[in-house]
Amino acid sequence: MTVRELKEDLELLVGIPFHLQRLQYLDRGDLMDNTSLRFYDVVPGGVLSLCVWHYDGWTDLVVAAVEGDPSKVFSCFFEGMFCEATTSCEGKSVFGMNI
């Protein structure tokens, strides 16, 4: 399985668009979309971290959704509608996944 295929599956599972996802394994930085999980020696039971590219307030919205705070989600959603686009990455880790 490629990293891109995993991101596409995660998009269906968690609702975060694949192009906003950053997957990390151990301390190797971001996994490249066109590589396989085998290339990174991901072992069964290994944990991948899913981060979200900071773009138009998506990070805060996703973190609020993970925390389960509806009022915060609502607030982040409307704040995100008025943010300017940015290309910087905050790299907040949302959660880890067991493979």
PDB file of N, CA and C in Angstrom:
ATOM      1  N   MET A   1       0.845  -1.178   0.000  1.00  0.00           N
ATOM      2  CA  MET A   1       0.000   0.000   0.000  1.00  0.00           C
ATOM      3  C   MET A   1       0.889   1.240   0.000  1.00  0.00           C
ATOM      4  N   THR A   2       0.518   2.208  -0.819  1.00  0.00           N
ATOM      5  CA  THR A   2       1.270   3.466  -0.828  1.00  0.00           C
ATOM      6  C   THR A   2       0.729   4.397   0.251  1.00  0.00           C
ATOM      7  N   VAL A   3       1.513   5.399   0.580  1.00  0.00           N
ATOM      8  CA  VAL A   3       1.102   6.401   1.559  1.00  0.00           C
ATOM      9  C   VAL A   3      -0.128   7.134   1.034  1.00  0.00           C
ATOM     10  N   ARG A   4      -0.162   7.425  -0.250  1.00  0.00           N
ATOM     11  CA  ARG A   4      -1.314   8.110  -0.864  1.00  0.00           C
ATOM     12  C   ARG A   4      -2.584   7.274  -0.701  1.00  0.00           C
ATOM     13  N   GLU A   5      -2.488   5.971  -0.947  1.00  0.00           N
ATOM     14  CA  GLU A   5      -3.655   5.087  -0.793  1.00  0.00           C
ATOM     15  C   GLU A   5      -4.142   5.078   0.654  1.00  0.00           C
ATOM     16  N   LEU A   6      -3.213   5.072   1.596  1.00  0.00           N
ATOM     17  CA  LEU A   6      -3.588   5.114   3.010  1.00  0.00           C
ATOM     18  C   LEU A   6      -4.284   6.429   3.334  1.00  0.00           C
ATOM     19  N   LYS A   7      -3.763   7.543   2.817  1.00  0.00           N
ATOM     20  CA  LYS A   7      -4.386   8.847   3.053  1.00  0.00           C
ATOM     21  C   LYS A   7      -5.800   8.895   2.475  1.00  0.00           C
ATOM     22  N   GLU A   8      -5.995   8.295   1.298  1.00  0.00           N
ATOM     23  CA  GLU A   8      -7.325   8.269   0.691  1.00  0.00           C
ATOM     24  C   GLU A   8      -8.294   7.451   1.547  1.00  0.00           C
ATOM     25  N   ASP A   9      -7.816   6.330   2.096  1.00  0.00           N
ATOM     26  CA  ASP A   9      -8.649   5.528   3.004  1.00  0.00           C
ATOM     27  C   ASP A   9      -8.958   6.307   4.285  1.00  0.00           C
ATOM     28  N   LEU A  10      -7.966   7.019   4.800  1.00  0.00           N
ATOM     29  CA  LEU A  10      -8.172   7.813   6.012  1.00  0.00           C
ATOM     30  C   LEU A  10      -9.146   8.961   5.767  1.00  0.00           C
ATOM     31  N   GLU A  11      -9.139   9.506   4.564  1.00  0.00           N
ATOM     32  CA  GLU A  11     -10.089  10.572   4.243  1.00  0.00           C
ATOM     33  C   GLU A  11     -11.524  10.068   4.416  1.00  0.00           C
ATOM     34  N   LEU A  12     -11.776   8.848   3.972  1.00  0.00           N
ATOM     35  CA  LEU A  12     -13.113   8.269   4.131  1.00  0.00           C
ATOM     36  C   LEU A  12     -13.418   7.944   5.591  1.00  0.00           C
ATOM     37  N   LEU A  13     -12.389   7.546   6.323  1.00  0.00           N
ATOM     38  CA  LEU A  13     -12.571   7.136   7.717  1.00  0.00           C
ATOM     39  C   LEU A  13     -12.729   8.316   8.671  1.00  0.00           C
ATOM     40  N   VAL A  14     -11.867   9.329   8.542  1.00  0.00           N
ATOM     41  CA  VAL A  14     -11.874  10.438   9.507  1.00  0.00           C
ATOM     42  C   VAL A  14     -12.358  11.755   8.932  1.00  0.00           C
ATOM     43  N   GLY A  15     -12.538  11.813   7.605  1.00  0.00           N
ATOM     44  CA  GLY A  15     -13.102  13.008   6.993  1.00  0.00           C
ATOM     45  C   GLY A  15     -12.132  14.143   6.733  1.00  0.00           C
ATOM     46  N   ILE A  16     -10.834  13.894   6.869  1.00  0.00           N
ATOM     47  CA  ILE A  16      -9.831  14.923   6.587  1.00  0.00           C
ATOM     48  C   ILE A  16      -9.343  14.712   5.154  1.00  0.00           C
ATOM     49  N   PRO A  17      -9.492  15.699   4.281  1.00  0.00           N
ATOM     50  CA  PRO A  17      -9.044  15.534   2.894  1.00  0.00           C
ATOM     51  C   PRO A  17      -7.575  15.084   2.822  1.00  0.00           C
ATOM     52  N   PHE A  18      -7.296  14.149   1.919  1.00  0.00           N
ATOM     53  CA  PHE A  18      -5.954  13.557   1.868  1.00  0.00           C
ATOM     54  C   PHE A  18      -4.876  14.593   1.621  1.00  0.00           C
ATOM     55  N   HIS A  19      -5.174  15.656   0.882  1.00  0.00           N
ATOM     56  CA  HIS A  19      -4.141  16.646   0.586  1.00  0.00           C
ATOM     57  C   HIS A  19      -3.818  17.534   1.792  1.00  0.00           C
ATOM     58  N   LEU A  20      -4.604  17.449   2.861  1.00  0.00           N
ATOM     59  CA  LEU A  20      -4.292  18.193   4.088  1.00  0.00           C
ATOM     60  C   LEU A  20      -3.619  17.309   5.137  1.00  0.00           C
ATOM     61  N   GLN A  21      -3.539  16.018   4.865  1.00  0.00           N
ATOM     62  CA  GLN A  21      -2.958  15.081   5.823  1.00  0.00           C
ATOM     63  C   GLN A  21      -1.441  15.029   5.714  1.00  0.00           C
ATOM     64  N   ARG A  22      -0.804  14.889   6.866  1.00  0.00           N
ATOM     65  CA  ARG A  22       0.639  14.609   6.939  1.00  0.00           C
ATOM     66  C   ARG A  22       0.789  13.369   7.798  1.00  0.00           C
ATOM     67  N   LEU A  23       1.380  12.330   7.250  1.00  0.00           N
ATOM     68  CA  LEU A  23       1.616  11.115   8.018  1.00  0.00           C
ATOM     69  C   LEU A  23       3.087  11.048   8.395  1.00  0.00           C
ATOM     70  N   GLN A  24       3.338  10.654   9.631  1.00  0.00           N
ATOM     71  CA  GLN A  24       4.710  10.534  10.123  1.00  0.00           C
ATOM     72  C   GLN A  24       4.865   9.200  10.836  1.00  0.00           C
ATOM     73  N   TYR A  25       6.059   8.641  10.734  1.00  0.00           N
ATOM     74  CA  TYR A  25       6.375   7.375  11.391  1.00  0.00           C
ATOM     75  C   TYR A  25       7.737   7.517  12.051  1.00  0.00           C
ATOM     76  N   LEU A  26       7.782   7.207  13.317  1.00  0.00           N
ATOM     77  CA  LEU A  26       8.992   7.367  14.120  1.00  0.00           C
ATOM     78  C   LEU A  26       9.477   8.805  14.003  1.00  0.00           C
ATOM     79  N   ASP A  27      10.729   9.028  13.713  1.00  0.00           N
ATOM     80  CA  ASP A  27      11.242  10.399  13.626  1.00  0.00           C
ATOM     81  C   ASP A  27      11.707  10.737  12.210  1.00  0.00           C
ATOM     82  N   ARG A  28      11.113  10.115  11.216  1.00  0.00           N
ATOM     83  CA  ARG A  28      11.565  10.279   9.834  1.00  0.00           C
ATOM     84  C   ARG A  28      10.915  11.452   9.113  1.00  0.00           C
ATOM     85  N   GLY A  29      10.090  12.219   9.758  1.00  0.00           N
ATOM     86  CA  GLY A  29       9.420  13.318   9.082  1.00  0.00           C
ATOM     87  C   GLY A  29       8.214  12.828   8.307  1.00  0.00           C
ATOM     88  N   ASP A  30       7.756  13.635   7.375  1.00  0.00           N
ATOM     89  CA  ASP A  30       6.561  13.310   6.604  1.00  0.00           C
ATOM     90  C   ASP A  30       6.820  12.171   5.627  1.00  0.00           C
ATOM     91  N   LEU A  31       5.848  11.256   5.536  1.00  0.00           N
ATOM     92  CA  LEU A  31       5.938  10.168   4.570  1.00  0.00           C
ATOM     93  C   LEU A  31       5.500  10.693   3.209  1.00  0.00           C
ATOM     94  N   MET A  32       6.229  10.352   2.177  1.00  0.00           N
ATOM     95  CA  MET A  32       5.951  10.825   0.815  1.00  0.00           C
ATOM     96  C   MET A  32       4.843   9.984   0.187  1.00  0.00           C
ATOM     97  N   ASP A  33       3.922  10.642  -0.508  1.00  0.00           N
ATOM     98  CA  ASP A  33       2.741   9.992  -1.061  1.00  0.00           C
ATOM     99  C   ASP A  33       3.054   8.840  -2.013  1.00  0.00           C
ATOM    100  N   ASN A  34       4.081   8.962  -2.820  1.00  0.00           N
ATOM    101  CA  ASN A  34       4.348   7.959  -3.856  1.00  0.00           C
ATOM    102  C   ASN A  34       5.175   6.773  -3.368  1.00  0.00           C
ATOM    103  N   THR A  35       5.459   6.708  -2.072  1.00  0.00           N
ATOM    104  CA  THR A  35       6.236   5.590  -1.530  1.00  0.00           C
ATOM    105  C   THR A  35       5.308   4.609  -0.825  1.00  0.00           C
ATOM    106  N   SER A  36       5.812   3.406  -0.613  1.00  0.00           N
ATOM    107  CA  SER A  36       5.014   2.390   0.074  1.00  0.00           C
ATOM    108  C   SER A  36       5.321   2.419   1.571  1.00  0.00           C
ATOM    109  N   LEU A  37       4.420   1.845   2.344  1.00  0.00           N
ATOM    110  CA  LEU A  37       4.673   1.741   3.790  1.00  0.00           C
ATOM    111  C   LEU A  37       5.869   0.829   4.052  1.00  0.00           C
ATOM    112  N   ARG A  38       6.076  -0.153   3.181  1.00  0.00           N
ATOM    113  CA  ARG A  38       7.223  -1.061   3.312  1.00  0.00           C
ATOM    114  C   ARG A  38       8.544  -0.289   3.187  1.00  0.00           C
ATOM    115  N   PHE A  39       8.562   0.739   2.324  1.00  0.00           N
ATOM    116  CA  PHE A  39       9.755   1.558   2.137  1.00  0.00           C
ATOM    117  C   PHE A  39      10.210   2.166   3.468  1.00  0.00           C
ATOM    118  N   TYR A  40       9.268   2.534   4.324  1.00  0.00           N
ATOM    119  CA  TYR A  40       9.584   3.142   5.622  1.00  0.00           C
ATOM    120  C   TYR A  40       9.716   2.115   6.740  1.00  0.00           C
ATOM    121  N   ASP A  41       9.662   0.834   6.380  1.00  0.00           N
ATOM    122  CA  ASP A  41       9.774  -0.252   7.361  1.00  0.00           C
ATOM    123  C   ASP A  41       8.722  -0.152   8.462  1.00  0.00           C
ATOM    124  N   VAL A  42       7.489   0.204   8.079  1.00  0.00           N
ATOM    125  CA  VAL A  42       6.395   0.251   9.050  1.00  0.00           C
ATOM    126  C   VAL A  42       6.074  -1.182   9.442  1.00  0.00           C
ATOM    127  N   VAL A  43       6.121  -1.464  10.732  1.00  0.00           N
ATOM    128  CA  VAL A  43       5.912  -2.815  11.230  1.00  0.00           C
ATOM    129  C   VAL A  43       4.477  -2.983  11.719  1.00  0.00           C
ATOM    130  N   PRO A  44       3.952  -4.210  11.718  1.00  0.00           N
ATOM    131  CA  PRO A  44       2.613  -4.436  12.276  1.00  0.00           C
ATOM    132  C   PRO A  44       2.563  -3.941  13.722  1.00  0.00           C
ATOM    133  N   GLY A  45       1.548  -3.188  14.048  1.00  0.00           N
ATOM    134  CA  GLY A  45       1.428  -2.619  15.390  1.00  0.00           C
ATOM    135  C   GLY A  45       2.141  -1.286  15.544  1.00  0.00           C
ATOM    136  N   GLY A  46       2.862  -0.849  14.494  1.00  0.00           N
ATOM    137  CA  GLY A  46       3.548   0.440  14.545  1.00  0.00           C
ATOM    138  C   GLY A  46       2.534   1.581  14.558  1.00  0.00           C
ATOM    139  N   VAL A  47       2.931   2.710  15.080  1.00  0.00           N
ATOM    140  CA  VAL A  47       2.036   3.862  15.195  1.00  0.00           C
ATOM    141  C   VAL A  47       2.451   4.952  14.215  1.00  0.00           C
ATOM    142  N   LEU A  48       1.493   5.363  13.383  1.00  0.00           N
ATOM    143  CA  LEU A  48       1.689   6.505  12.493  1.00  0.00           C
ATOM    144  C   LEU A  48       0.993   7.696  13.112  1.00  0.00           C
ATOM    145  N   SER A  49       1.591   8.856  12.985  1.00  0.00           N
ATOM    146  CA  SER A  49       0.957  10.081  13.468  1.00  0.00           C
ATOM    147  C   SER A  49       0.329  10.805  12.291  1.00  0.00           C
ATOM    148  N   LEU A  50      -0.913  11.246  12.487  1.00  0.00           N
ATOM    149  CA  LEU A  50      -1.607  12.011  11.469  1.00  0.00           C
ATOM    150  C   LEU A  50      -1.642  13.461  11.910  1.00  0.00           C
ATOM    151  N   CYS A  51      -1.018  14.310  11.123  1.00  0.00           N
ATOM    152  CA  CYS A  51      -1.033  15.749  11.366  1.00  0.00           C
ATOM    153  C   CYS A  51      -1.810  16.402  10.233  1.00  0.00           C
ATOM    154  N   VAL A  52      -2.217  17.612  10.454  1.00  0.00           N
ATOM    155  CA  VAL A  52      -2.984  18.339   9.457  1.00  0.00           C
ATOM    156  C   VAL A  52      -2.201  19.570   9.058  1.00  0.00           C
ATOM    157  N   TRP A  53      -2.062  19.785   7.735  1.00  0.00           N
ATOM    158  CA  TRP A  53      -1.429  21.009   7.256  1.00  0.00           C
ATOM    159  C   TRP A  53      -2.262  22.182   7.733  1.00  0.00           C
ATOM    160  N   HIS A  54      -1.620  23.199   8.241  1.00  0.00           N
ATOM    161  CA  HIS A  54      -2.322  24.398   8.672  1.00  0.00           C
ATOM    162  C   HIS A  54      -2.714  25.185   7.433  1.00  0.00           C
ATOM    163  N   TYR A  55      -3.992  25.200   7.164  1.00  0.00           N
ATOM    164  CA  TYR A  55      -4.492  25.875   5.967  1.00  0.00           C
ATOM    165  C   TYR A  55      -5.904  26.354   6.252  1.00  0.00           C
ATOM    166  N   ASP A  56      -6.091  27.652   6.275  1.00  0.00           N
ATOM    167  CA  ASP A  56      -7.408  28.243   6.502  1.00  0.00           C
ATOM    168  C   ASP A  56      -8.098  27.748   7.770  1.00  0.00           C
ATOM    169  N   GLY A  57      -7.360  27.510   8.838  1.00  0.00           N
ATOM    170  CA  GLY A  57      -7.981  27.131  10.106  1.00  0.00           C
ATOM    171  C   GLY A  57      -8.361  25.668  10.228  1.00  0.00           C
ATOM    172  N   TRP A  58      -7.975  24.821   9.269  1.00  0.00           N
ATOM    173  CA  TRP A  58      -8.326  23.402   9.340  1.00  0.00           C
ATOM    174  C   TRP A  58      -7.795  22.729  10.595  1.00  0.00           C
ATOM    175  N   THR A  59      -6.598  23.073  11.006  1.00  0.00           N
ATOM    176  CA  THR A  59      -5.990  22.410  12.160  1.00  0.00           C
ATOM    177  C   THR A  59      -6.846  22.588  13.392  1.00  0.00           C
ATOM    178  N   ASP A  60      -7.238  23.815  13.691  1.00  0.00           N
ATOM    179  CA  ASP A  60      -8.052  24.071  14.877  1.00  0.00           C
ATOM    180  C   ASP A  60      -9.402  23.378  14.785  1.00  0.00           C
ATOM    181  N   LEU A  61      -9.982  23.346  13.596  1.00  0.00           N
ATOM    182  CA  LEU A  61     -11.268  22.692  13.402  1.00  0.00           C
ATOM    183  C   LEU A  61     -11.163  21.191  13.657  1.00  0.00           C
ATOM    184  N   VAL A  62     -10.123  20.562  13.130  1.00  0.00           N
ATOM    185  CA  VAL A  62      -9.941  19.119  13.313  1.00  0.00           C
ATOM    186  C   VAL A  62      -9.665  18.795  14.773  1.00  0.00           C
ATOM    187  N   VAL A  63      -8.818  19.562  15.432  1.00  0.00           N
ATOM    188  CA  VAL A  63      -8.522  19.325  16.844  1.00  0.00           C
ATOM    189  C   VAL A  63      -9.792  19.472  17.684  1.00  0.00           C
ATOM    190  N   ALA A  64     -10.613  20.484  17.398  1.00  0.00           N
ATOM    191  CA  ALA A  64     -11.871  20.676  18.126  1.00  0.00           C
ATOM    192  C   ALA A  64     -12.805  19.487  17.913  1.00  0.00           C
ATOM    193  N   ALA A  65     -12.853  18.956  16.689  1.00  0.00           N
ATOM    194  CA  ALA A  65     -13.702  17.799  16.402  1.00  0.00           C
ATOM    195  C   ALA A  65     -13.218  16.563  17.153  1.00  0.00           C
ATOM    196  N   VAL A  66     -11.893  16.371  17.201  1.00  0.00           N
ATOM    197  CA  VAL A  66     -11.328  15.227  17.920  1.00  0.00           C
ATOM    198  C   VAL A  66     -11.625  15.342  19.412  1.00  0.00           C
ATOM    199  N   GLU A  67     -11.583  16.556  19.942  1.00  0.00           N
ATOM    200  CA  GLU A  67     -11.875  16.772  21.358  1.00  0.00           C
ATOM    201  C   GLU A  67     -13.359  16.587  21.665  1.00  0.00           C
ATOM    202  N   GLY A  68     -14.214  16.642  20.646  1.00  0.00           N
ATOM    203  CA  GLY A  68     -15.645  16.440  20.843  1.00  0.00           C
ATOM    204  C   GLY A  68     -16.363  17.630  21.449  1.00  0.00           C
ATOM    205  N   ASP A  69     -15.885  18.823  21.177  1.00  0.00           N
ATOM    206  CA  ASP A  69     -16.482  20.041  21.717  1.00  0.00           C
ATOM    207  C   ASP A  69     -17.268  20.750  20.616  1.00  0.00           C
ATOM    208  N   PRO A  70     -18.596  20.539  20.546  1.00  0.00           N
ATOM    209  CA  PRO A  70     -19.399  21.118  19.454  1.00  0.00           C
ATOM    210  C   PRO A  70     -19.316  22.640  19.375  1.00  0.00           C
ATOM    211  N   SER A  71     -19.289  23.327  20.501  1.00  0.00           N
ATOM    212  CA  SER A  71     -19.238  24.790  20.457  1.00  0.00           C
ATOM    213  C   SER A  71     -17.909  25.275  19.874  1.00  0.00           C
ATOM    214  N   LYS A  72     -16.833  24.558  20.193  1.00  0.00           N
ATOM    215  CA  LYS A  72     -15.520  24.909  19.654  1.00  0.00           C
ATOM    216  C   LYS A  72     -15.465  24.614  18.146  1.00  0.00           C
ATOM    217  N   VAL A  73     -16.072  23.505  17.734  1.00  0.00           N
ATOM    218  CA  VAL A  73     -16.127  23.158  16.310  1.00  0.00           C
ATOM    219  C   VAL A  73     -16.866  24.250  15.552  1.00  0.00           C
ATOM    220  N   PHE A  74     -18.014  24.662  16.079  1.00  0.00           N
ATOM    221  CA  PHE A  74     -18.824  25.698  15.451  1.00  0.00           C
ATOM    222  C   PHE A  74     -18.027  26.998  15.330  1.00  0.00           C
ATOM    223  N   SER A  75     -17.339  27.362  16.412  1.00  0.00           N
ATOM    224  CA  SER A  75     -16.539  28.584  16.431  1.00  0.00           C
ATOM    225  C   SER A  75     -15.400  28.512  15.406  1.00  0.00           C
ATOM    226  N   CYS A  76     -14.684  27.394  15.377  1.00  0.00           N
ATOM    227  CA  CYS A  76     -13.567  27.221  14.442  1.00  0.00           C
ATOM    228  C   CYS A  76     -14.045  27.236  13.002  1.00  0.00           C
ATOM    229  N   PHE A  77     -15.210  26.644  12.761  1.00  0.00           N
ATOM    230  CA  PHE A  77     -15.737  26.597  11.404  1.00  0.00           C
ATOM    231  C   PHE A  77     -15.965  27.998  10.862  1.00  0.00           C
ATOM    232  N   PHE A  78     -16.602  28.844  11.659  1.00  0.00           N
ATOM    233  CA  PHE A  78     -16.897  30.186  11.176  1.00  0.00           C
ATOM    234  C   PHE A  78     -15.656  31.075  11.160  1.00  0.00           C
ATOM    235  N   GLU A  79     -14.724  30.866  12.073  1.00  0.00           N
ATOM    236  CA  GLU A  79     -13.468  31.613  12.014  1.00  0.00           C
ATOM    237  C   GLU A  79     -12.693  31.210  10.773  1.00  0.00           C
ATOM    238  N   GLY A  80     -12.702  29.913  10.435  1.00  0.00           N
ATOM    239  CA  GLY A  80     -11.984  29.400   9.263  1.00  0.00           C
ATOM    240  C   GLY A  80     -12.511  29.945   7.959  1.00  0.00           C
ATOM    241  N   MET A  81     -13.803  30.302   7.921  1.00  0.00           N
ATOM    242  CA  MET A  81     -14.380  30.836   6.699  1.00  0.00           C
ATOM    243  C   MET A  81     -13.822  32.209   6.363  1.00  0.00           C
ATOM    244  N   PHE A  82     -13.296  32.914   7.380  1.00  0.00           N
ATOM    245  CA  PHE A  82     -12.818  34.271   7.158  1.00  0.00           C
ATOM    246  C   PHE A  82     -11.299  34.397   7.211  1.00  0.00           C
ATOM    247  N   CYS A  83     -10.588  33.272   7.324  1.00  0.00           N
ATOM    248  CA  CYS A  83      -9.116  33.310   7.383  1.00  0.00           C
ATOM    249  C   CYS A  83      -8.541  33.447   5.979  1.00  0.00           C
ATOM    250  N   GLU A  84      -7.366  34.043   5.901  1.00  0.00           N
ATOM    251  CA  GLU A  84      -6.645  34.070   4.632  1.00  0.00           C
ATOM    252  C   GLU A  84      -5.866  32.774   4.489  1.00  0.00           C
ATOM    253  N   ALA A  85      -5.671  32.338   3.251  1.00  0.00           N
ATOM    254  CA  ALA A  85      -4.909  31.115   2.999  1.00  0.00           C
ATOM    255  C   ALA A  85      -3.460  31.326   3.404  1.00  0.00           C
ATOM    256  N   THR A  86      -2.865  30.290   3.958  1.00  0.00           N
ATOM    257  CA  THR A  86      -1.464  30.334   4.344  1.00  0.00           C
ATOM    258  C   THR A  86      -0.806  29.027   3.935  1.00  0.00           C
ATOM    259  N   THR A  87       0.469  29.045   3.695  1.00  0.00           N
ATOM    260  CA  THR A  87       1.165  27.829   3.308  1.00  0.00           C
ATOM    261  C   THR A  87       2.037  27.306   4.434  1.00  0.00           C
ATOM    262  N   SER A  88       1.980  27.917   5.600  1.00  0.00           N
ATOM    263  CA  SER A  88       2.793  27.425   6.712  1.00  0.00           C
ATOM    264  C   SER A  88       2.150  26.193   7.321  1.00  0.00           C
ATOM    265  N   CYS A  89       2.938  25.441   8.051  1.00  0.00           N
ATOM    266  CA  CYS A  89       2.446  24.210   8.665  1.00  0.00           C
ATOM    267  C   CYS A  89       2.706  24.255  10.154  1.00  0.00           C
ATOM    268  N   GLU A  90       1.638  24.214  10.940  1.00  0.00           N
ATOM    269  CA  GLU A  90       1.799  24.163  12.387  1.00  0.00           C
ATOM    270  C   GLU A  90       2.204  22.784  12.843  1.00  0.00           C
ATOM    271  N   GLY A  91       1.705  21.754  12.161  1.00  0.00           N
ATOM    272  CA  GLY A  91       2.082  20.395  12.480  1.00  0.00           C
ATOM    273  C   GLY A  91       1.545  19.887  13.797  1.00  0.00           C
ATOM    274  N   LYS A  92       0.343  20.288  14.190  1.00  0.00           N
ATOM    275  CA  LYS A  92      -0.239  19.740  15.410  1.00  0.00           C
ATOM    276  C   LYS A  92      -0.614  18.303  15.154  1.00  0.00           C
ATOM    277  N   SER A  93      -0.198  17.415  16.029  1.00  0.00           N
ATOM    278  CA  SER A  93      -0.546  16.025  15.882  1.00  0.00           C
ATOM    279  C   SER A  93      -1.971  15.826  16.372  1.00  0.00           C
ATOM    280  N   VAL A  94      -2.792  15.217  15.561  1.00  0.00           N
ATOM    281  CA  VAL A  94      -4.185  15.013  15.920  1.00  0.00           C
ATOM    282  C   VAL A  94      -4.338  13.730  16.685  1.00  0.00           C
ATOM    283  N   PHE A  95      -3.816  12.654  16.185  1.00  0.00           N
ATOM    284  CA  PHE A  95      -3.868  11.367  16.892  1.00  0.00           C
ATOM    285  C   PHE A  95      -2.926  10.389  16.239  1.00  0.00           C
ATOM    286  N   GLY A  96      -2.632   9.315  16.949  1.00  0.00           N
ATOM    287  CA  GLY A  96      -1.796   8.248  16.410  1.00  0.00           C
ATOM    288  C   GLY A  96      -2.669   7.106  15.948  1.00  0.00           C
ATOM    289  N   MET A  97      -2.173   6.341  14.991  1.00  0.00           N
ATOM    290  CA  MET A  97      -2.912   5.202  14.476  1.00  0.00           C
ATOM    291  C   MET A  97      -2.039   3.980  14.600  1.00  0.00           C
ATOM    292  N   ASN A  98      -2.625   2.875  15.014  1.00  0.00           N
ATOM    293  CA  ASN A  98      -1.905   1.613  15.011  1.00  0.00           C
ATOM    294  C   ASN A  98      -2.083   0.954  13.670  1.00  0.00           C
ATOM    295  N   ILE A  99      -0.980   0.475  13.093  1.00  0.00           N
ATOM    296  CA  ILE A  99      -1.021  -0.230  11.805  1.00  0.00           C
ATOM    297  C   ILE A  99      -0.929  -1.717  12.056  1.00  0.00           C
TER     298      ILE A  99
END
